[in-house]
Amino acid sequence: MTSLKNHGWGLGINYEVQLFDYFSIKPAFSHTTIFPEESDGAVKTVGVDLSVNFYPFNRGLDWLYIGIGNGCEFIMTKENENDDDSTIRLFPIAGWKQSYGDLLYSEIFCCYNYLLHESESSDYAKNGFEYGIKLKLNLKKILFNKN
């Protein structure tokens, strides 16, 4: 949503592993490029997240989940090309996942970002709610399915 509001795009990859009947762990990596109106150039971010999710209905990695995560986002602007500018956040998250034939997943989520370390470019990373819809492809199943 941040990308679309700022005339940009974003791409991410994650790998969620079910550890126990009700719990999973999910590392994630993302990249975003946006073109905000108040800036004279592109703003690029690289993010790394790790979250732990609880699935109360014990249906694998489907249906309702709640969790908590921690992430770091490295922010690069024209003004800070040579500086390290990063944001560290903690986020409780809730969402709903639905699988379609083990190849395609949809997800609706809402989380609240608590900034533990604010960057100099904090205009692009703030405390507050984040929400969205994701469509995910199960690349492991698509690329390595032996059938």
Protein backbone atom coordinates (compact mmCIF):
# COMPACT_ATOMS: atom_id res chain seq x y z
CA MET A 1 0.00 0.00 0.00
CA THR A 2 2.90 2.37 0.76
CA SER A 3 4.29 1.75 -2.70
CA LEU A 4 1.01 2.41 -4.48
CA LYS A 5 0.33 5.61 -2.49
CA ASN A 6 3.78 6.92 -3.45
CA HIS A 7 3.81 5.98 -7.15
CA GLY A 8 6.16 3.03 -6.67
CA TRP A 9 6.43 -0.73 -6.43
CA GLY A 10 7.52 -3.39 -4.00
CA LEU A 11 8.50 -7.03 -4.09
CA GLY A 12 9.10 -9.50 -1.30
CA ILE A 13 9.80 -13.11 -0.58
CA ASN A 14 9.13 -15.10 2.58
CA TYR A 15 9.30 -18.68 3.72
CA GLU A 16 6.93 -19.79 6.44
CA VAL A 17 7.67 -23.04 8.26
CA GLN A 18 5.27 -24.76 10.65
CA LEU A 19 7.32 -25.62 13.75
CA PHE A 20 4.61 -27.17 15.92
CA ASP A 21 0.87 -27.86 15.52
CA TYR A 22 -0.14 -24.26 16.19
CA PHE A 23 3.04 -22.25 15.58
CA SER A 24 5.11 -21.13 12.60
CA ILE A 25 8.17 -19.00 11.98
CA LYS A 26 8.45 -16.73 8.95
CA PRO A 27 11.60 -14.96 7.74
CA ALA A 28 11.01 -12.37 5.00
CA PHE A 29 12.98 -10.13 2.66
CA SER A 30 11.57 -7.16 0.73
CA HIS A 31 12.55 -4.33 -1.58
CA THR A 32 10.53 -1.19 -2.32
CA THR A 33 11.10 1.76 -4.63
CA ILE A 34 8.81 4.78 -4.24
CA PHE A 35 8.68 8.25 -5.78
CA PRO A 36 7.11 10.55 -3.15
CA GLU A 37 5.88 13.93 -4.36
CA GLU A 38 7.81 15.79 -1.62
CA SER A 39 11.13 14.23 -2.68
CA ASP A 40 13.16 15.05 -5.79
CA GLY A 41 14.19 11.43 -6.34
CA ALA A 42 13.47 7.81 -5.60
CA VAL A 43 13.41 6.34 -2.10
CA LYS A 44 14.57 2.73 -1.96
CA THR A 45 14.16 0.38 0.98
CA VAL A 46 15.42 -3.09 1.77
CA GLY A 47 13.68 -4.90 4.59
CA VAL A 48 14.39 -8.02 6.64
CA ASP A 49 11.69 -9.40 8.98
CA LEU A 50 11.21 -12.39 11.25
CA SER A 51 7.84 -13.24 12.76
CA VAL A 52 6.31 -16.02 14.87
CA ASN A 53 2.65 -16.82 14.17
CA PHE A 54 0.02 -18.71 16.17
CA TYR A 55 -2.80 -20.52 14.28
CA PRO A 56 -5.59 -21.16 16.85
CA PHE A 57 -7.62 -23.50 14.57
CA ASN A 58 -4.62 -25.78 13.84
CA ARG A 59 -5.33 -25.99 10.08
CA GLY A 60 -1.72 -25.84 8.96
CA LEU A 61 -0.79 -22.43 7.60
CA ASP A 62 -4.40 -21.53 6.71
CA TRP A 63 -7.15 -19.45 8.26
CA LEU A 64 -6.84 -17.03 11.18
CA TYR A 65 -3.46 -16.26 12.72
CA ILE A 66 -1.97 -13.83 15.22
CA GLY A 67 1.70 -13.20 15.73
CA ILE A 68 4.55 -10.92 16.56
CA GLY A 69 7.51 -9.90 14.48
CA ASN A 70 10.65 -7.85 14.40
CA GLY A 71 12.07 -6.15 11.35
CA CYS A 72 14.75 -3.83 10.09
CA GLU A 73 14.39 -1.58 7.08
CA PHE A 74 17.33 0.10 5.39
CA ILE A 75 16.28 3.36 3.72
CA MET A 76 18.22 4.95 0.86
CA THR A 77 17.39 8.44 -0.40
CA LYS A 78 19.26 10.91 -2.56
CA GLU A 79 19.99 12.97 0.58
CA ASN A 80 21.55 10.06 2.53
CA GLU A 81 23.38 8.17 -0.24
CA ASN A 82 26.52 7.70 1.85
CA ASP A 83 24.91 7.28 5.27
CA ASP A 84 23.46 4.24 7.00
CA ASP A 85 19.80 5.01 7.60
CA SER A 86 17.69 2.27 9.14
CA THR A 87 14.52 1.68 11.11
CA ILE A 88 13.96 -1.17 13.56
CA ARG A 89 10.38 -2.10 14.34
CA LEU A 90 8.34 -4.52 16.42
CA PHE A 91 4.92 -5.46 15.09
CA PRO A 92 1.99 -7.46 16.43
CA ILE A 93 0.05 -8.87 13.47
CA ALA A 94 -3.28 -10.56 12.78
CA GLY A 95 -4.55 -11.95 9.53
CA TRP A 96 -6.37 -14.55 7.51
CA LYS A 97 -4.79 -16.84 4.92
CA GLN A 98 -6.59 -18.95 2.39
CA SER A 99 -4.96 -21.52 0.11
CA TYR A 100 -6.17 -22.43 -3.36
CA GLY A 101 -4.88 -25.85 -4.39
CA ASP A 102 -1.55 -25.51 -2.56
CA LEU A 103 -0.17 -23.27 -5.37
CA LEU A 104 -1.80 -19.91 -4.68
CA TYR A 105 -2.50 -18.20 -1.36
CA SER A 106 -4.33 -15.01 -0.50
CA GLU A 107 -3.77 -13.15 2.74
CA ILE A 108 -5.47 -10.22 4.44
CA PHE A 109 -3.52 -8.75 7.35
CA CYS A 110 -3.34 -5.84 9.78
CA CYS A 111 -0.43 -4.95 12.05
CA TYR A 112 0.77 -2.09 14.19
CA ASN A 113 4.35 -0.88 13.80
CA TYR A 114 6.21 0.18 16.94
CA LEU A 115 9.44 1.90 15.93
CA LEU A 116 12.25 0.89 18.27
CA HIS A 117 14.82 2.90 16.33
CA GLU A 118 13.73 5.77 14.11
CA SER A 119 15.73 6.69 11.06
CA GLU A 120 16.61 10.14 9.81
CA SER A 121 14.13 9.41 7.02
CA SER A 122 11.30 8.72 9.48
CA ASP A 123 8.82 10.32 7.08
CA TYR A 124 8.81 6.95 5.30
CA ALA A 125 8.64 4.73 8.40
CA LYS A 126 6.22 5.65 11.18
CA ASN A 127 4.46 4.20 14.19
CA GLY A 128 0.98 3.15 13.19
CA PHE A 129 -1.30 0.67 11.53
CA GLU A 130 -0.37 -1.13 8.35
CA TYR A 131 -2.79 -3.32 6.42
CA GLY A 132 -2.92 -5.03 3.11
CA ILE A 133 -3.79 -7.89 0.83
CA LYS A 134 -1.18 -10.28 -0.49
CA LEU A 135 -1.29 -12.88 -3.23
CA LYS A 136 1.39 -15.51 -2.83
CA LEU A 137 2.69 -18.24 -5.09
CA ASN A 138 4.07 -21.42 -3.54
CA LEU A 139 7.34 -21.41 -5.51
CA LYS A 140 8.65 -24.51 -3.76
CA LYS A 141 5.63 -26.50 -4.96
CA ILE A 142 5.68 -24.98 -8.45
CA LEU A 143 9.44 -25.39 -9.09
CA PHE A 144 10.17 -28.66 -7.30
CA ASN A 145 6.94 -30.67 -7.71
CA LYS A 146 7.89 -34.09 -9.10
CA ASN A 147 4.40 -34.92 -10.47
